[in-house]
Protein backbone atom coordinates (compact mmCIF):
# COMPACT_ATOMS: atom_id res chain seq x y z
CA MET A 1 -186.38 112.58 9.88
CA THR A 2 -184.56 113.94 6.87
CA SER A 3 -185.20 117.41 5.56
CA LEU A 4 -186.98 117.80 2.25
CA SER A 5 -186.05 120.10 -0.59
CA LEU A 6 -189.65 121.25 -0.73
CA VAL A 7 -190.65 123.75 -3.40
CA LEU A 8 -193.89 125.70 -2.96
CA ARG A 9 -195.25 127.49 -6.00
CA PRO A 10 -198.53 128.83 -7.34
CA GLU A 11 -200.80 126.27 -8.97
CA ARG A 12 -200.79 126.26 -12.77
CA VAL A 13 -203.50 125.03 -15.14
CA GLU A 14 -201.31 122.14 -16.24
CA ASP A 15 -201.17 120.86 -12.62
CA ALA A 16 -204.82 119.75 -12.72
CA SER A 17 -204.28 116.08 -13.57
CA ALA A 18 -201.41 115.64 -11.09
CA ILE A 19 -203.54 117.27 -8.37
CA ALA A 20 -206.46 114.96 -9.19
CA ARG A 21 -204.16 111.93 -8.80
CA LEU A 22 -202.78 113.34 -5.53
CA GLU A 23 -206.29 113.86 -4.13
CA ALA A 24 -207.20 110.28 -5.10
CA ARG A 25 -204.13 108.97 -3.22
CA ALA A 26 -204.75 111.19 -0.21
CA PHE A 27 -208.54 110.82 0.17
CA GLY A 28 -209.72 107.84 -1.86
CA PRO A 29 -213.12 107.53 -3.51
CA GLY A 30 -215.02 108.52 -0.33
CA ARG A 31 -214.13 112.16 -0.98
CA PHE A 32 -216.89 112.47 -3.57
CA ALA A 33 -219.60 111.99 -0.93
CA ARG A 34 -218.37 114.65 1.50
CA THR A 35 -220.36 117.87 1.78
CA ALA A 36 -217.28 120.08 1.36
CA TYR A 37 -216.35 118.27 -1.85
CA ARG A 38 -219.89 118.59 -3.19
CA LEU A 39 -219.94 122.31 -2.40
CA ARG A 40 -216.61 122.89 -4.16
CA GLU A 41 -217.93 120.98 -7.17
CA GLY A 42 -220.51 123.75 -7.64
CA GLY A 43 -217.99 126.25 -8.94
CA PRO A 44 -214.36 126.62 -9.99
CA HIS A 45 -211.56 127.14 -7.50
CA ARG A 46 -209.44 130.28 -7.63
CA LEU A 47 -206.36 129.30 -9.57
CA ASP A 48 -204.62 132.48 -8.35
CA LEU A 49 -204.79 131.17 -4.77
CA GLY A 50 -203.88 127.51 -5.39
CA VAL A 51 -200.50 126.38 -4.08
CA THR A 52 -198.56 123.21 -4.85
CA ALA A 53 -195.66 121.52 -3.08
CA SER A 54 -193.08 119.40 -4.89
CA VAL A 55 -190.03 117.39 -3.99
CA GLY A 56 -187.98 117.17 -7.15
CA SER A 57 -190.46 116.58 -9.95
CA PHE A 58 -192.95 114.79 -7.66
CA LEU A 59 -196.08 116.71 -6.61
CA VAL A 60 -196.47 115.93 -2.90
CA GLY A 61 -199.06 118.50 -1.84
CA SER A 62 -201.72 120.89 -2.98
CA VAL A 63 -204.20 123.33 -1.49
CA ARG A 64 -206.98 125.19 -3.22
CA MET A 65 -209.39 127.99 -2.35
CA SER A 66 -212.90 128.15 -3.75
CA PRO A 67 -215.19 131.18 -3.78
CA VAL A 68 -218.37 130.64 -1.78
CA ARG A 69 -221.06 132.90 -0.41
CA ALA A 70 -223.72 133.19 2.25
CA GLY A 71 -226.33 135.59 0.95
CA ALA A 72 -224.57 138.49 -0.76
CA ALA A 73 -221.33 138.06 1.22
CA GLY A 74 -218.54 136.31 -0.64
CA PHE A 75 -215.62 134.56 1.03
CA LEU A 76 -213.32 131.59 0.49
CA MET A 77 -213.44 127.91 1.34
CA LEU A 78 -210.05 126.30 1.92
CA GLY A 79 -209.66 122.84 0.51
CA PRO A 80 -208.94 120.34 -0.40
CA LEU A 81 -205.61 120.35 1.37
CA ALA A 82 -203.92 117.19 0.11
CA VAL A 83 -200.56 115.72 1.04
CA ASP A 84 -199.26 112.49 -0.46
CA PRO A 85 -199.60 109.81 2.26
CA SER A 86 -195.90 108.90 1.99
CA PHE A 87 -194.96 112.50 2.85
CA GLU A 88 -197.35 113.12 5.78
CA GLY A 89 -196.00 114.46 9.05
CA ARG A 90 -193.25 116.55 7.47
CA GLY A 91 -194.84 120.01 7.67
CA ILE A 92 -196.08 120.12 4.08
CA GLY A 93 -199.71 120.71 5.07
CA THR A 94 -198.65 123.52 7.39
CA ALA A 95 -196.54 125.18 4.70
CA LEU A 96 -199.36 124.92 2.14
CA THR A 97 -201.98 126.25 4.56
CA ASN A 98 -199.84 129.23 5.54
CA ALA A 99 -199.15 130.03 1.88
CA ALA A 100 -202.85 129.81 0.98
CA ILE A 101 -203.91 132.04 3.87
CA ASP A 102 -201.19 134.58 3.07
CA GLY A 103 -202.26 134.59 -0.58
CA ALA A 104 -205.91 135.17 0.32
CA ARG A 105 -204.97 137.97 2.72
CA ASP A 106 -202.72 139.59 0.09
CA ALA A 107 -205.54 139.33 -2.47
CA GLY A 108 -207.82 141.29 -0.13
CA ASP A 109 -210.21 138.48 0.78
CA GLY A 110 -212.07 138.94 4.05
CA LEU A 111 -212.65 135.44 5.40
CA VAL A 112 -211.70 131.80 4.88
CA MET A 113 -213.83 128.89 6.07
CA LEU A 114 -213.23 125.16 5.97
CA VAL A 115 -214.47 121.83 7.22
CA GLY A 116 -211.65 120.25 9.18
CA ASP A 117 -210.01 119.20 12.41
CA ALA A 118 -210.26 122.10 14.87
CA PRO A 119 -207.09 121.22 16.85
CA TYR A 120 -205.03 121.11 13.63
CA TYR A 121 -206.40 124.35 12.13
CA ALA A 122 -206.36 126.32 15.41
CA ARG A 123 -202.62 126.91 14.90
CA PHE A 124 -203.51 129.07 11.88
CA GLY A 125 -206.13 131.06 13.81
CA PHE A 126 -209.26 129.16 12.69
CA THR A 127 -212.08 129.02 15.23
CA PRO A 128 -215.44 127.23 15.19
CA VAL A 129 -218.23 129.02 13.37
CA PRO A 130 -220.83 129.96 16.00
CA PRO A 131 -223.76 127.52 15.88
CA GLY A 132 -226.39 128.40 13.29
CA ARG A 133 -224.38 131.16 11.58
CA LEU A 134 -223.46 129.23 8.43
CA VAL A 135 -225.49 126.35 7.06
CA MET A 136 -223.75 123.88 4.79
CA PRO A 137 -225.67 122.21 1.95
CA GLY A 138 -225.29 118.76 3.49
CA PRO A 139 -224.29 117.06 6.72
CA VAL A 140 -221.27 118.54 8.51
CA ASP A 141 -220.18 118.06 12.10
CA PRO A 142 -220.64 121.58 13.53
CA ALA A 143 -217.40 121.24 15.52
CA ARG A 144 -215.53 120.89 12.19
CA LEU A 145 -216.99 124.01 10.55
CA LEU A 146 -214.26 126.63 11.07
CA TRP A 147 -213.45 130.13 9.91
CA LEU A 148 -210.66 132.66 9.95
CA GLU A 149 -211.25 136.39 9.55
CA LEU A 150 -208.66 138.02 7.34
CA ALA A 151 -210.27 141.47 7.57
CA GLY A 152 -211.47 142.66 10.96
CA GLY A 153 -215.24 142.54 11.38
CA TYR A 154 -215.87 140.57 8.18
CA ALA A 155 -217.70 137.77 9.99
CA ALA A 156 -219.93 140.12 12.00
CA GLY A 157 -222.99 139.89 9.77
CA LEU A 158 -222.14 136.68 7.95
CA THR A 159 -224.99 134.22 8.20
CA GLY A 160 -227.08 131.85 6.11
CA PRO A 161 -226.72 128.93 3.72
CA VAL A 162 -223.30 128.50 2.12
CA GLU A 163 -223.23 127.92 -1.62
CA ALA A 164 -220.68 127.99 -4.40
CA ALA A 165 -220.15 131.46 -5.82
CA ARG A 166 -220.33 131.28 -9.58
CA GLY A 167 -218.37 133.85 -11.49
């Protein structure tokens, strides 16, 4: 495997169309039906926490964070995490995820949740949400509903339906 000259940088407004094309390549049209996608559609993502990955002038990866809430408690939802299929398996997803988590922690956010593969996200410290604590607005495999506390004790009282947080 050859090494990549990967450049991570904060997302910019002008990246939107390239990210949309990347997500289409990575996830296909089925992404529109997923509960996590539908939840993120309910409000804007935080541009200040978006991270892109490029090789040369080619956008090969992106991760976004969206503000969500359960009751009065606000937190973040990681995703989508997209890597161009021709660049999978090269550590781009790991680099993007670490950068997004670090950015959220630096911004003072208390918790990040996601819907994803528990064995993959465990390396970043994500653990399954205890059954019944958070209720998604559509079908989600409970084993794939994960969270990561960025501030100690933030998850202690977090419970209820998850919805997009509108600014």
